[in-house]
Amino acid sequence: MAAIKIRELPEEDRPREKLLKHGADGLTNRELIAILLRTGVPGKNAVEVGGEILERYKTLNGLSRISARELKNIRGIGLAKAVQLAAAFKLADRMAKEKLVREKIDSPELVNEFFGAEMRSLQRESLRVLLLDTRYRLIDTQEISLGSVNESIAHPREVFRPALLVSAYAIIVVHNHPSGDPTPSSTDHSLTRRLAEAAELLQIKLLDHVIIGSPADGRAPYFSFKEAGVL
């Protein structure tokens, strides 16, 4: 059965016309992606293709991490569309970072608010360091290591190297547990102790080490070594 082409839909259901009439907030994610794609593929219109892409990568954060080279290999996305999507996601990322630069990040709740959704979408452990100035505002975020399903390996020197390069006043270390359980492992405890020792030696504040999870039993979606009294 042939798909209904977007131009064959009632005007109020066409993504571009809906955006003009109601603004971008009135569109679903797949409709917004459809506007960037412009056209679909045989048997599927652009909205349906947008929906399939979202199903494949689960979240917008997951999709935004895909390179243009990978995107162009998806059926319905050639080189031109892949570049447009990659550019749109990068602009959104930079806009989000502009907001972060103005925010004071000094609590695990804020770390979870700003980075939790993205890190929960990852299938492997990612260990990152948030570099902060004297007012605890974000200077930059660096990924230190990307590990296996249940472990990322990092040495304190790798964690503090970016902080030294930008003369950061403080750092927050954050990593995810793809299992969903944010309970720290013995390796997490060991790394935190070594980071605390290195921070004291380098005179860089280690504000916290936050583990992002997604427990299904009503517990907090993260673990904070600071809140636990370890730091």
C-alpha atoms as a PDB file:
ATOM      1  CA  MET A   1       0.000   0.000   0.000  1.00  0.00           C
ATOM      2  CA  ALA A   2       1.432   3.358  -1.029  1.00  0.00           C
ATOM      3  CA  ALA A   3       2.073   5.894   1.709  1.00  0.00           C
ATOM      4  CA  ILE A   4       0.103   9.120   1.745  1.00  0.00           C
ATOM      5  CA  LYS A   5       2.433  11.842   0.552  1.00  0.00           C
ATOM      6  CA  ILE A   6       2.712  14.884   2.795  1.00  0.00           C
ATOM      7  CA  ARG A   7       1.348  17.156   0.073  1.00  0.00           C
ATOM      8  CA  GLU A   8      -1.744  14.941  -0.019  1.00  0.00           C
ATOM      9  CA  LEU A   9      -2.467  15.475   3.680  1.00  0.00           C
ATOM     10  CA  PRO A  10      -4.920  18.154   4.843  1.00  0.00           C
ATOM     11  CA  GLU A  11      -3.070  21.451   5.128  1.00  0.00           C
ATOM     12  CA  GLU A  12      -3.432  21.517   8.921  1.00  0.00           C
ATOM     13  CA  ASP A  13      -1.567  18.175   9.128  1.00  0.00           C
ATOM     14  CA  ARG A  14       1.424  19.136   6.990  1.00  0.00           C
ATOM     15  CA  PRO A  15       4.503  19.757   9.196  1.00  0.00           C
ATOM     16  CA  ARG A  16       5.642  22.993   7.541  1.00  0.00           C
ATOM     17  CA  GLU A  17       2.161  24.495   7.537  1.00  0.00           C
ATOM     18  CA  LYS A  18       1.632  23.428  11.164  1.00  0.00           C
ATOM     19  CA  LEU A  19       4.884  25.093  12.203  1.00  0.00           C
ATOM     20  CA  LEU A  20       3.944  28.337  10.491  1.00  0.00           C
ATOM     21  CA  LYS A  21       0.505  28.337  12.103  1.00  0.00           C
ATOM     22  CA  HIS A  22       1.245  27.007  15.589  1.00  0.00           C
ATOM     23  CA  GLY A  23       5.011  27.365  16.029  1.00  0.00           C
ATOM     24  CA  ALA A  24       7.567  24.584  16.494  1.00  0.00           C
ATOM     25  CA  ASP A  25       6.110  23.589  19.883  1.00  0.00           C
ATOM     26  CA  GLY A  26       3.007  22.350  18.107  1.00  0.00           C
ATOM     27  CA  LEU A  27       4.921  19.642  16.219  1.00  0.00           C
ATOM     28  CA  THR A  28       6.038  16.196  17.292  1.00  0.00           C
ATOM     29  CA  ASN A  29       9.723  15.230  17.101  1.00  0.00           C
ATOM     30  CA  ARG A  30       9.155  13.129  14.009  1.00  0.00           C
ATOM     31  CA  GLU A  31       7.357  16.029  12.301  1.00  0.00           C
ATOM     32  CA  LEU A  32      10.282  18.339  13.050  1.00  0.00           C
ATOM     33  CA  ILE A  33      12.693  15.769  11.624  1.00  0.00           C
ATOM     34  CA  ALA A  34      10.426  15.448   8.578  1.00  0.00           C
ATOM     35  CA  ILE A  35      10.837  19.163   7.871  1.00  0.00           C
ATOM     36  CA  LEU A  36      14.606  18.680   7.767  1.00  0.00           C
ATOM     37  CA  LEU A  37      14.293  15.567   5.586  1.00  0.00           C
ATOM     38  CA  ARG A  38      11.789  17.276   3.214  1.00  0.00           C
ATOM     39  CA  THR A  39      11.056  14.050   1.318  1.00  0.00           C
ATOM     40  CA  GLY A  40      10.481  10.426   2.207  1.00  0.00           C
ATOM     41  CA  VAL A  41      11.259   7.167   0.421  1.00  0.00           C
ATOM     42  CA  PRO A  42       9.106   4.905  -1.775  1.00  0.00           C
ATOM     43  CA  GLY A  43       6.297   3.637   0.430  1.00  0.00           C
ATOM     44  CA  LYS A  44       6.929   6.080   3.312  1.00  0.00           C
ATOM     45  CA  ASN A  45       6.521   9.832   3.622  1.00  0.00           C
ATOM     46  CA  ALA A  46       9.024  12.038   5.490  1.00  0.00           C
ATOM     47  CA  VAL A  47       7.037  11.927   8.753  1.00  0.00           C
ATOM     48  CA  GLU A  48       7.072   8.119   8.715  1.00  0.00           C
ATOM     49  CA  VAL A  49      10.796   8.081   7.950  1.00  0.00           C
ATOM     50  CA  GLY A  50      11.374  10.505  10.835  1.00  0.00           C
ATOM     51  CA  GLY A  51       9.448   8.188  13.145  1.00  0.00           C
ATOM     52  CA  GLU A  52      11.498   5.163  12.072  1.00  0.00           C
ATOM     53  CA  ILE A  53      14.744   7.046  12.699  1.00  0.00           C
ATOM     54  CA  LEU A  54      13.621   7.980  16.216  1.00  0.00           C
ATOM     55  CA  GLU A  55      12.619   4.377  16.939  1.00  0.00           C
ATOM     56  CA  ARG A  56      16.046   3.218  15.815  1.00  0.00           C
ATOM     57  CA  TYR A  57      18.004   5.595  18.064  1.00  0.00           C
ATOM     58  CA  LYS A  58      15.440   5.724  20.917  1.00  0.00           C
ATOM     59  CA  THR A  59      15.986   9.369  21.918  1.00  0.00           C
ATOM     60  CA  LEU A  60      16.927  12.685  20.324  1.00  0.00           C
ATOM     61  CA  ASN A  61      20.110  12.626  22.397  1.00  0.00           C
ATOM     62  CA  GLY A  62      20.954   9.238  20.948  1.00  0.00           C
ATOM     63  CA  LEU A  63      20.272  10.459  17.419  1.00  0.00           C
ATOM     64  CA  SER A  64      22.222  13.685  17.928  1.00  0.00           C
ATOM     65  CA  ARG A  65      25.401  11.715  18.682  1.00  0.00           C
ATOM     66  CA  ILE A  66      25.344  10.021  15.259  1.00  0.00           C
ATOM     67  CA  SER A  67      27.813  11.470  12.760  1.00  0.00           C
ATOM     68  CA  ALA A  68      26.803  12.705   9.313  1.00  0.00           C
ATOM     69  CA  ARG A  69      28.807   9.807   7.854  1.00  0.00           C
ATOM     70  CA  GLU A  70      26.623   7.308   9.749  1.00  0.00           C
ATOM     71  CA  LEU A  71      23.395   9.202   9.098  1.00  0.00           C
ATOM     72  CA  LYS A  72      23.836   9.126   5.335  1.00  0.00           C
ATOM     73  CA  ASN A  73      23.783   5.326   5.407  1.00  0.00           C
ATOM     74  CA  ILE A  74      20.211   5.262   6.765  1.00  0.00           C
ATOM     75  CA  ARG A  75      17.589   4.516   4.133  1.00  0.00           C
ATOM     76  CA  GLY A  76      15.928   7.787   3.229  1.00  0.00           C
ATOM     77  CA  ILE A  77      18.890   9.956   4.245  1.00  0.00           C
ATOM     78  CA  GLY A  78      21.518  10.818   1.673  1.00  0.00           C
ATOM     79  CA  LEU A  79      24.564  13.022   2.086  1.00  0.00           C
ATOM     80  CA  ALA A  80      22.692  16.346   1.876  1.00  0.00           C
ATOM     81  CA  LYS A  81      20.053  15.350   4.440  1.00  0.00           C
ATOM     82  CA  ALA A  82      22.678  13.827   6.745  1.00  0.00           C
ATOM     83  CA  VAL A  83      24.640  17.084   6.743  1.00  0.00           C
ATOM     84  CA  GLN A  84      21.471  19.101   7.432  1.00  0.00           C
ATOM     85  CA  LEU A  85      20.512  16.874  10.373  1.00  0.00           C
ATOM     86  CA  ALA A  86      24.042  16.933  11.818  1.00  0.00           C
ATOM     87  CA  ALA A  87      24.162  20.732  11.530  1.00  0.00           C
ATOM     88  CA  ALA A  88      20.741  21.115  13.204  1.00  0.00           C
ATOM     89  CA  PHE A  89      21.745  18.882  16.119  1.00  0.00           C
ATOM     90  CA  LYS A  90      25.057  20.708  16.567  1.00  0.00           C
ATOM     91  CA  LEU A  91      23.302  24.090  16.687  1.00  0.00           C
ATOM     92  CA  ALA A  92      20.915  22.712  19.342  1.00  0.00           C
ATOM     93  CA  ASP A  93      23.894  21.354  21.297  1.00  0.00           C
ATOM     94  CA  ARG A  94      25.691  24.703  21.190  1.00  0.00           C
ATOM     95  CA  MET A  95      22.529  26.537  22.251  1.00  0.00           C
ATOM     96  CA  ALA A  96      22.193  24.195  25.245  1.00  0.00           C
ATOM     97  CA  LYS A  97      25.827  24.803  26.167  1.00  0.00           C
ATOM     98  CA  GLU A  98      25.260  28.575  26.014  1.00  0.00           C
ATOM     99  CA  LYS A  99      22.582  28.124  28.680  1.00  0.00           C
ATOM    100  CA  LEU A 100      24.855  25.905  30.758  1.00  0.00           C
ATOM    101  CA  VAL A 101      27.651  28.482  30.710  1.00  0.00           C
ATOM    102  CA  ARG A 102      25.378  30.882  32.607  1.00  0.00           C
ATOM    103  CA  GLU A 103      24.332  28.303  35.208  1.00  0.00           C
ATOM    104  CA  LYS A 104      26.024  27.517  38.501  1.00  0.00           C
ATOM    105  CA  ILE A 105      26.495  23.750  38.661  1.00  0.00           C
ATOM    106  CA  ASP A 106      27.194  22.775  42.241  1.00  0.00           C
ATOM    107  CA  SER A 107      24.780  19.948  43.053  1.00  0.00           C
ATOM    108  CA  PRO A 108      24.103  16.404  41.816  1.00  0.00           C
ATOM    109  CA  GLU A 109      20.507  17.424  41.074  1.00  0.00           C
ATOM    110  CA  LEU A 110      21.750  19.928  38.482  1.00  0.00           C
ATOM    111  CA  VAL A 111      24.217  17.429  37.028  1.00  0.00           C
ATOM    112  CA  ASN A 112      21.342  14.983  36.610  1.00  0.00           C
ATOM    113  CA  GLU A 113      19.085  17.693  35.155  1.00  0.00           C
ATOM    114  CA  PHE A 114      21.596  18.804  32.540  1.00  0.00           C
ATOM    115  CA  PHE A 115      23.310  15.526  31.633  1.00  0.00           C
ATOM    116  CA  GLY A 116      21.133  12.690  32.953  1.00  0.00           C
ATOM    117  CA  ALA A 117      18.834  12.181  29.957  1.00  0.00           C
ATOM    118  CA  GLU A 118      21.695  11.947  27.473  1.00  0.00           C
ATOM    119  CA  MET A 119      23.820   9.642  29.604  1.00  0.00           C
ATOM    120  CA  ARG A 120      20.921   7.280  30.314  1.00  0.00           C
ATOM    121  CA  SER A 121      20.542   6.735  26.573  1.00  0.00           C
ATOM    122  CA  LEU A 122      24.097   5.378  26.249  1.00  0.00           C
ATOM    123  CA  GLN A 123      24.674   1.648  25.916  1.00  0.00           C
ATOM    124  CA  ARG A 124      28.207   1.782  27.339  1.00  0.00           C
ATOM    125  CA  GLU A 125      29.741   3.488  30.340  1.00  0.00           C
ATOM    126  CA  SER A 126      30.982   6.986  29.577  1.00  0.00           C
ATOM    127  CA  LEU A 127      33.117   8.847  32.097  1.00  0.00           C
ATOM    128  CA  ARG A 128      33.139  12.621  31.717  1.00  0.00           C
ATOM    129  CA  VAL A 129      34.534  15.590  33.553  1.00  0.00           C
ATOM    130  CA  LEU A 130      32.737  18.921  33.933  1.00  0.00           C
ATOM    131  CA  LEU A 131      35.259  21.780  34.060  1.00  0.00           C
ATOM    132  CA  LEU A 132      34.119  24.708  36.221  1.00  0.00           C
ATOM    133  CA  ASP A 133      35.327  28.235  36.921  1.00  0.00           C
ATOM    134  CA  THR A 134      35.533  29.973  40.311  1.00  0.00           C
ATOM    135  CA  ARG A 135      31.754  30.540  40.286  1.00  0.00           C
ATOM    136  CA  TYR A 136      31.117  26.877  39.459  1.00  0.00           C
ATOM    137  CA  ARG A 137      29.931  27.771  35.970  1.00  0.00           C
ATOM    138  CA  LEU A 138      30.636  25.340  33.156  1.00  0.00           C
ATOM    139  CA  ILE A 139      33.748  25.962  31.076  1.00  0.00           C
ATOM    140  CA  ASP A 140      33.598  22.738  29.102  1.00  0.00           C
ATOM    141  CA  THR A 141      32.718  19.041  29.232  1.00  0.00           C
ATOM    142  CA  GLN A 142      35.210  16.365  28.222  1.00  0.00           C
ATOM    143  CA  GLU A 143      34.641  12.639  27.733  1.00  0.00           C
ATOM    144  CA  ILE A 144      37.562  10.871  29.381  1.00  0.00           C
ATOM    145  CA  SER A 145      36.744   7.274  28.518  1.00  0.00           C
ATOM    146  CA  LEU A 146      34.078   5.158  26.851  1.00  0.00           C
ATOM    147  CA  GLY A 147      34.066   1.656  28.227  1.00  0.00           C
ATOM    148  CA  SER A 148      32.138  -1.579  28.113  1.00  0.00           C
ATOM    149  CA  VAL A 149      28.562  -2.272  29.170  1.00  0.00           C
ATOM    150  CA  ASN A 150      29.551  -2.255  32.833  1.00  0.00           C
ATOM    151  CA  GLU A 151      32.909  -0.546  33.171  1.00  0.00           C
ATOM    152  CA  SER A 152      34.863   2.482  32.003  1.00  0.00           C
ATOM    153  CA  ILE A 153      38.531   2.720  32.883  1.00  0.00           C
ATOM    154  CA  ALA A 154      40.215   6.020  33.676  1.00  0.00           C
ATOM    155  CA  HIS A 155      43.340   7.211  35.454  1.00  0.00           C
ATOM    156  CA  PRO A 156      43.314  10.392  37.572  1.00  0.00           C
ATOM    157  CA  ARG A 157      45.883  12.017  35.285  1.00  0.00           C
ATOM    158  CA  GLU A 158      43.473  11.632  32.344  1.00  0.00           C
ATOM    159  CA  VAL A 159      40.645  13.172  34.386  1.00  0.00           C
ATOM    160  CA  PHE A 160      42.661  16.191  35.529  1.00  0.00           C
ATOM    161  CA  ARG A 161      44.557  16.849  32.297  1.00  0.00           C
ATOM    162  CA  PRO A 162      41.679  18.868  30.719  1.00  0.00           C
ATOM    163  CA  ALA A 163      41.273  20.834  33.965  1.00  0.00           C
ATOM    164  CA  LEU A 164      44.943  21.816  33.909  1.00  0.00           C
ATOM    165  CA  LEU A 165      44.788  22.831  30.247  1.00  0.00           C
ATOM    166  CA  VAL A 166      41.943  25.321  30.830  1.00  0.00           C
ATOM    167  CA  SER A 167      42.956  26.305  34.397  1.00  0.00           C
ATOM    168  CA  ALA A 168      39.655  25.040  35.811  1.00  0.00           C
ATOM    169  CA  TYR A 169      38.989  25.933  39.446  1.00  0.00           C
ATOM    170  CA  ALA A 170      36.847  22.859  40.118  1.00  0.00           C
ATOM    171  CA  ILE A 171      35.589  19.706  38.465  1.00  0.00           C
ATOM    172  CA  ILE A 172      32.692  17.291  38.749  1.00  0.00           C
ATOM    173  CA  VAL A 173      33.202  13.752  37.507  1.00  0.00           C
ATOM    174  CA  VAL A 174      30.137  11.984  36.124  1.00  0.00           C
ATOM    175  CA  HIS A 175      29.575   8.587  34.570  1.00  0.00           C
ATOM    176  CA  ASN A 176      26.620   6.365  33.756  1.00  0.00           C
ATOM    177  CA  HIS A 177      25.636   2.803  34.655  1.00  0.00           C
ATOM    178  CA  PRO A 178      23.861   1.293  31.615  1.00  0.00           C
ATOM    179  CA  SER A 179      22.371  -1.347  33.940  1.00  0.00           C
ATOM    180  CA  GLY A 180      20.237   1.422  35.451  1.00  0.00           C
ATOM    181  CA  ASP A 181      21.489   0.806  39.007  1.00  0.00           C
ATOM    182  CA  PRO A 182      23.513   3.852  40.151  1.00  0.00           C
ATOM    183  CA  THR A 183      24.996   2.024  43.153  1.00  0.00           C
ATOM    184  CA  PRO A 184      28.784   2.531  43.037  1.00  0.00           C
ATOM    185  CA  SER A 185      31.026  -0.463  42.463  1.00  0.00           C
ATOM    186  CA  SER A 186      34.282  -1.114  44.306  1.00  0.00           C
ATOM    187  CA  THR A 187      36.055   0.270  41.225  1.00  0.00           C
ATOM    188  CA  ASP A 188      33.977   3.478  41.465  1.00  0.00           C
ATOM    189  CA  HIS A 189      34.933   3.864  45.141  1.00  0.00           C
ATOM    190  CA  SER A 190      38.598   3.260  44.357  1.00  0.00           C
ATOM    191  CA  LEU A 191      38.616   5.796  41.527  1.00  0.00           C
ATOM    192  CA  THR A 192      36.906   8.405  43.704  1.00  0.00           C
ATOM    193  CA  ARG A 193      39.513   8.004  46.456  1.00  0.00           C
ATOM    194  CA  ARG A 194      42.351   8.403  43.961  1.00  0.00           C
ATOM    195  CA  LEU A 195      40.666  11.435  42.382  1.00  0.00           C
ATOM    196  CA  ALA A 196      40.283  13.064  45.800  1.00  0.00           C
ATOM    197  CA  GLU A 197      43.979  12.540  46.518  1.00  0.00           C
ATOM    198  CA  ALA A 198      44.990  13.954  43.124  1.00  0.00           C
ATOM    199  CA  ALA A 199      42.652  16.952  43.537  1.00  0.00           C
ATOM    200  CA  GLU A 200      44.262  17.851  46.859  1.00  0.00           C
ATOM    201  CA  LEU A 201      47.728  17.581  45.342  1.00  0.00           C
ATOM    202  CA  LEU A 202      46.821  19.679  42.287  1.00  0.00           C
ATOM    203  CA  GLN A 203      44.726  22.164  44.318  1.00  0.00           C
ATOM    204  CA  ILE A 204      41.701  21.661  42.071  1.00  0.00           C
ATOM    205  CA  LYS A 205      38.372  21.204  43.821  1.00  0.00           C
ATOM    206  CA  LEU A 206      36.674  17.870  43.241  1.00  0.00           C
ATOM    207  CA  LEU A 207      33.083  18.895  43.919  1.00  0.00           C
ATOM    208  CA  ASP A 208      31.497  15.520  43.316  1.00  0.00           C
ATOM    209  CA  HIS A 209      31.513  12.227  41.488  1.00  0.00           C
ATOM    210  CA  VAL A 210      28.004  11.510  40.227  1.00  0.00           C
ATOM    211  CA  ILE A 211      26.797   8.180  38.848  1.00  0.00           C
ATOM    212  CA  ILE A 212      23.794   8.392  36.524  1.00  0.00           C
ATOM    213  CA  GLY A 213      21.343   5.484  36.563  1.00  0.00           C
ATOM    214  CA  SER A 214      17.665   4.835  35.992  1.00  0.00           C
ATOM    215  CA  PRO A 215      16.416   2.565  38.788  1.00  0.00           C
ATOM    216  CA  ALA A 216      12.896   1.234  38.465  1.00  0.00           C
ATOM    217  CA  ASP A 217      12.198   1.001  42.183  1.00  0.00           C
ATOM    218  CA  GLY A 218      11.592   4.669  42.968  1.00  0.00           C
ATOM    219  CA  ARG A 219      15.118   5.430  44.170  1.00  0.00           C
ATOM    220  CA  ALA A 220      17.005   8.561  43.121  1.00  0.00           C
ATOM    221  CA  PRO A 221      18.177   8.308  39.499  1.00  0.00           C
ATOM    222  CA  TYR A 222      21.755   9.075  40.506  1.00  0.00           C
ATOM    223  CA  PHE A 223      24.329   8.458  43.216  1.00  0.00           C
ATOM    224  CA  SER A 224      26.424  11.314  44.601  1.00  0.00           C
ATOM    225  CA  PHE A 225      29.668  10.618  46.449  1.00  0.00           C
ATOM    226  CA  LYS A 226      29.361  14.090  47.989  1.00  0.00           C
ATOM    227  CA  GLU A 227      25.872  13.396  49.339  1.00  0.00           C
ATOM    228  CA  ALA A 228      27.096  10.046  50.632  1.00  0.00           C
ATOM    229  CA  GLY A 229      29.774  11.849  52.671  1.00  0.00           C
ATOM    230  CA  VAL A 230      32.711  10.361  50.781  1.00  0.00           C
ATOM    231  CA  LEU A 231      33.830  13.746  49.390  1.00  0.00           C
END
